[in-house]
């Protein structure tokens, strides 16, 4: 597949659609729906969070405002699209993670996620209809961070029996566990598939 065939038409301003082009259509329908937000999208569901236990893992988790370990039966995701990209607000009970996603250069299929003073370049991919993300760059205060300090990310978002399923695992550079959260979401305020077990 060439870059020209993979790149979406300029008129499509949805973030991942514009970055991934025709590859976006290979994603499961629930993934396309969530990432195809035109202006504002809201999803609710449930999640299980595991956290690393080392002192450094706890400190890094505190810095990034990661939620404590536990089961969250009222997890939510709100996506707001503006002229710069998208704002993602993930609610785990009383704990929120807010990040901004912006596009990078055309055809690169890399999205940039900002966590305040730290931002990551994430390469998008498609495996069996699931969206995958890999860290390919990191900056702190705008300065490139040496590769040996990058976290290890395993991220997959998939369509699962009508649900949007996510499975995100982040380790510190030397593979010490930082956070692992997984769960299911559906659009709107309802819980039409209550009873999903993790």
Protein backbone atom coordinates (compact mmCIF):
# COMPACT_ATOMS: atom_id res chain seq x y z
CA UNK A 1 0.00 0.00 0.00
CA UNK A 2 1.43 3.38 -0.97
CA UNK A 3 1.31 6.49 1.16
CA UNK A 4 -1.01 8.13 -1.37
CA UNK A 5 -3.50 5.26 -1.22
CA UNK A 6 -3.40 5.13 2.58
CA UNK A 7 -3.84 8.86 3.18
CA UNK A 8 -7.39 10.14 3.66
CA UNK A 9 -8.83 12.99 1.57
CA UNK A 10 -8.07 16.45 3.08
CA UNK A 11 -11.76 17.14 3.69
CA UNK A 12 -11.93 14.42 6.37
CA UNK A 13 -10.85 16.18 9.57
CA UNK A 14 -11.44 13.31 12.00
CA UNK A 15 -8.12 12.70 13.69
CA UNK A 16 -7.36 9.01 13.14
CA UNK A 17 -9.34 8.86 9.91
CA UNK A 18 -7.16 11.61 8.51
CA UNK A 19 -3.95 9.97 9.74
CA UNK A 20 -4.70 6.35 8.85
CA UNK A 21 -6.61 6.83 5.59
CA UNK A 22 -7.95 3.58 4.16
CA UNK A 23 -6.42 1.58 7.00
CA UNK A 24 -9.04 3.19 9.26
CA UNK A 25 -11.75 1.22 7.45
CA UNK A 26 -10.10 -2.04 8.49
CA UNK A 27 -10.88 -1.30 12.16
CA UNK A 28 -13.86 -2.89 13.90
CA UNK A 29 -17.05 -0.82 13.82
CA UNK A 30 -16.98 0.08 17.54
CA UNK A 31 -13.42 1.40 17.16
CA UNK A 32 -14.35 3.40 14.06
CA UNK A 33 -17.35 4.86 15.86
CA UNK A 34 -15.36 6.04 18.88
CA UNK A 35 -12.48 7.45 16.84
CA UNK A 36 -14.83 8.88 14.23
CA UNK A 37 -16.14 11.57 16.59
CA UNK A 38 -17.21 14.63 14.62
CA UNK A 39 -17.52 17.12 17.52
CA UNK A 40 -18.24 15.41 20.85
CA UNK A 41 -18.60 11.79 21.87
CA UNK A 42 -19.46 10.14 25.17
CA UNK A 43 -19.03 6.49 26.16
CA UNK A 44 -19.63 4.63 29.40
CA UNK A 45 -18.64 1.20 30.63
CA UNK A 46 -16.47 -0.58 33.14
CA UNK A 47 -12.76 -1.11 33.68
CA UNK A 48 -10.23 -3.00 35.74
CA UNK A 49 -7.01 -1.20 36.72
CA UNK A 50 -3.76 -2.77 37.91
CA UNK A 51 -0.85 -0.65 39.13
CA UNK A 52 2.85 -1.26 39.59
CA UNK A 53 3.89 -1.58 43.23
CA UNK A 54 7.43 -0.17 43.20
CA UNK A 55 8.07 3.25 44.69
CA UNK A 56 9.04 4.70 41.31
CA UNK A 57 5.94 3.23 39.65
CA UNK A 58 3.78 4.86 42.29
CA UNK A 59 5.54 8.21 41.86
CA UNK A 60 5.21 8.15 38.06
CA UNK A 61 1.58 7.08 38.37
CA UNK A 62 0.91 9.98 40.73
CA UNK A 63 2.58 12.42 38.31
CA UNK A 64 0.37 11.25 35.42
CA UNK A 65 -2.76 11.18 37.63
CA UNK A 66 -3.33 7.49 37.01
CA UNK A 67 -6.26 5.97 38.95
CA UNK A 68 -5.64 3.57 41.84
CA UNK A 69 -5.84 -0.16 41.24
CA UNK A 70 -9.34 -1.59 41.39
CA UNK A 71 -12.56 -2.32 39.57
CA UNK A 72 -14.47 0.67 38.12
CA UNK A 73 -18.09 -0.13 37.21
CA UNK A 74 -18.70 3.50 36.12
CA UNK A 75 -15.85 4.27 33.76
CA UNK A 76 -16.43 6.97 31.11
CA UNK A 77 -14.66 8.47 28.10
CA UNK A 78 -15.50 11.86 26.60
CA UNK A 79 -13.91 13.00 23.33
CA UNK A 80 -14.06 16.63 22.20
CA UNK A 81 -12.80 17.58 18.75
CA UNK A 82 -11.52 21.09 18.02
CA UNK A 83 -9.33 22.79 15.43
CA UNK A 84 -6.15 21.45 17.08
CA UNK A 85 -7.19 17.82 17.37
CA UNK A 86 -9.02 16.00 20.16
CA UNK A 87 -9.28 16.27 23.94
CA UNK A 88 -9.79 12.93 25.72
CA UNK A 89 -11.20 12.79 29.24
CA UNK A 90 -11.17 9.34 30.85
CA UNK A 91 -13.09 9.04 34.10
CA UNK A 92 -12.34 6.27 36.58
CA UNK A 93 -14.73 7.06 39.40
CA UNK A 94 -13.38 10.24 41.05
CA UNK A 95 -10.11 10.02 39.09
CA UNK A 96 -9.73 11.66 35.67
CA UNK A 97 -7.02 11.42 33.01
CA UNK A 98 -7.13 14.28 30.51
CA UNK A 99 -4.91 14.31 27.44
CA UNK A 100 -4.79 16.07 24.08
CA UNK A 101 -4.25 14.25 20.80
CA UNK A 102 -2.90 16.06 17.74
CA UNK A 103 -1.97 14.91 14.25
CA UNK A 104 1.59 14.83 12.98
CA UNK A 105 2.79 15.07 9.38
CA UNK A 106 0.55 13.77 6.61
CA UNK A 107 0.98 10.08 5.80
CA UNK A 108 3.01 9.26 8.92
CA UNK A 109 0.08 7.57 10.71
CA UNK A 110 1.48 8.90 14.00
CA UNK A 111 -0.67 10.67 16.61
CA UNK A 112 0.85 12.89 19.30
CA UNK A 113 -0.60 12.60 22.82
CA UNK A 114 0.12 15.33 25.36
CA UNK A 115 0.14 14.74 29.13
CA UNK A 116 0.99 18.29 30.13
CA UNK A 117 4.79 18.56 30.34
CA UNK A 118 5.31 15.22 28.57
CA UNK A 119 4.12 14.15 25.13
CA UNK A 120 4.38 10.93 23.16
CA UNK A 121 4.35 10.07 19.47
CA UNK A 122 2.21 6.97 18.95
CA UNK A 123 2.35 4.96 15.73
CA UNK A 124 -1.04 3.55 14.74
CA UNK A 125 -1.52 0.09 13.26
CA UNK A 126 -4.25 -2.45 12.54
CA UNK A 127 -4.09 -6.11 13.59
CA UNK A 128 -7.13 -8.35 12.99
CA UNK A 129 -9.42 -5.32 13.02
CA UNK A 130 -7.95 -3.92 16.25
CA UNK A 131 -6.17 -0.59 16.60
CA UNK A 132 -2.64 -0.91 17.98
CA UNK A 133 -0.39 1.89 19.30
CA UNK A 134 3.38 1.91 19.77
CA UNK A 135 5.61 4.62 21.26
CA UNK A 136 7.96 6.01 18.59
CA UNK A 137 8.87 9.32 20.23
CA UNK A 138 8.81 11.20 23.52
CA UNK A 139 9.44 14.79 24.58
CA UNK A 140 9.68 16.39 28.02
CA UNK A 141 9.19 20.17 28.14
CA UNK A 142 9.49 20.08 24.37
CA UNK A 143 12.95 18.46 24.46
CA UNK A 144 13.38 15.00 22.85
CA UNK A 145 13.78 12.29 25.50
CA UNK A 146 16.47 9.60 25.00
CA UNK A 147 14.99 6.35 23.76
CA UNK A 148 16.20 4.33 26.75
CA UNK A 149 13.81 6.40 28.91
CA UNK A 150 10.72 5.72 26.79
CA UNK A 151 8.00 3.62 28.42
CA UNK A 152 6.98 0.29 26.90
CA UNK A 153 3.41 0.42 25.62
CA UNK A 154 1.13 -2.41 24.57
CA UNK A 155 -2.19 -0.92 23.49
CA UNK A 156 -5.08 -2.56 21.67
CA UNK A 157 -8.60 -1.29 20.97
CA UNK A 158 -11.06 -3.68 19.36
CA UNK A 159 -14.70 -4.39 18.54
CA UNK A 160 -15.98 -7.11 20.89
CA UNK A 161 -19.59 -8.26 20.48
CA UNK A 162 -20.85 -4.70 19.97
CA UNK A 163 -18.61 -3.23 22.64
CA UNK A 164 -15.50 -1.09 22.35
CA UNK A 165 -12.83 -3.11 24.18
CA UNK A 166 -9.55 -1.56 25.32
CA UNK A 167 -6.46 -3.22 26.78
CA UNK A 168 -3.64 -0.80 27.67
CA UNK A 169 -0.46 -1.91 29.42
CA UNK A 170 2.40 0.50 30.18
CA UNK A 171 5.71 -0.51 31.73
CA UNK A 172 8.66 1.62 32.83
CA UNK A 173 11.73 1.49 30.55
CA UNK A 174 13.25 -1.48 32.41
CA UNK A 175 9.91 -3.38 32.12
CA UNK A 176 8.74 -2.68 35.66
CA UNK A 177 4.91 -2.55 35.62
CA UNK A 178 3.41 0.95 35.67
CA UNK A 179 -0.29 0.53 34.85
CA UNK A 180 -2.53 -1.96 33.06
CA UNK A 181 -6.15 -1.07 32.44
CA UNK A 182 -8.71 -2.96 30.41
CA UNK A 183 -12.44 -2.85 29.96
CA UNK A 184 -15.42 -2.24 27.72
CA UNK A 185 -17.36 0.83 26.61
CA UNK A 186 -20.56 1.57 24.71
CA UNK A 187 -21.84 4.83 23.31
CA UNK A 188 -24.33 6.99 25.19
CA UNK A 189 -25.57 6.97 28.75
CA UNK A 190 -27.18 3.51 28.76
CA UNK A 191 -25.76 0.22 29.92
CA UNK A 192 -27.49 -2.05 27.47
CA UNK A 193 -24.96 -4.83 28.00
CA UNK A 194 -24.75 -4.77 31.78
CA UNK A 195 -23.23 -7.85 33.30
CA UNK A 196 -20.02 -7.99 31.26
CA UNK A 197 -17.43 -9.65 33.46
CA UNK A 198 -13.73 -8.87 33.49
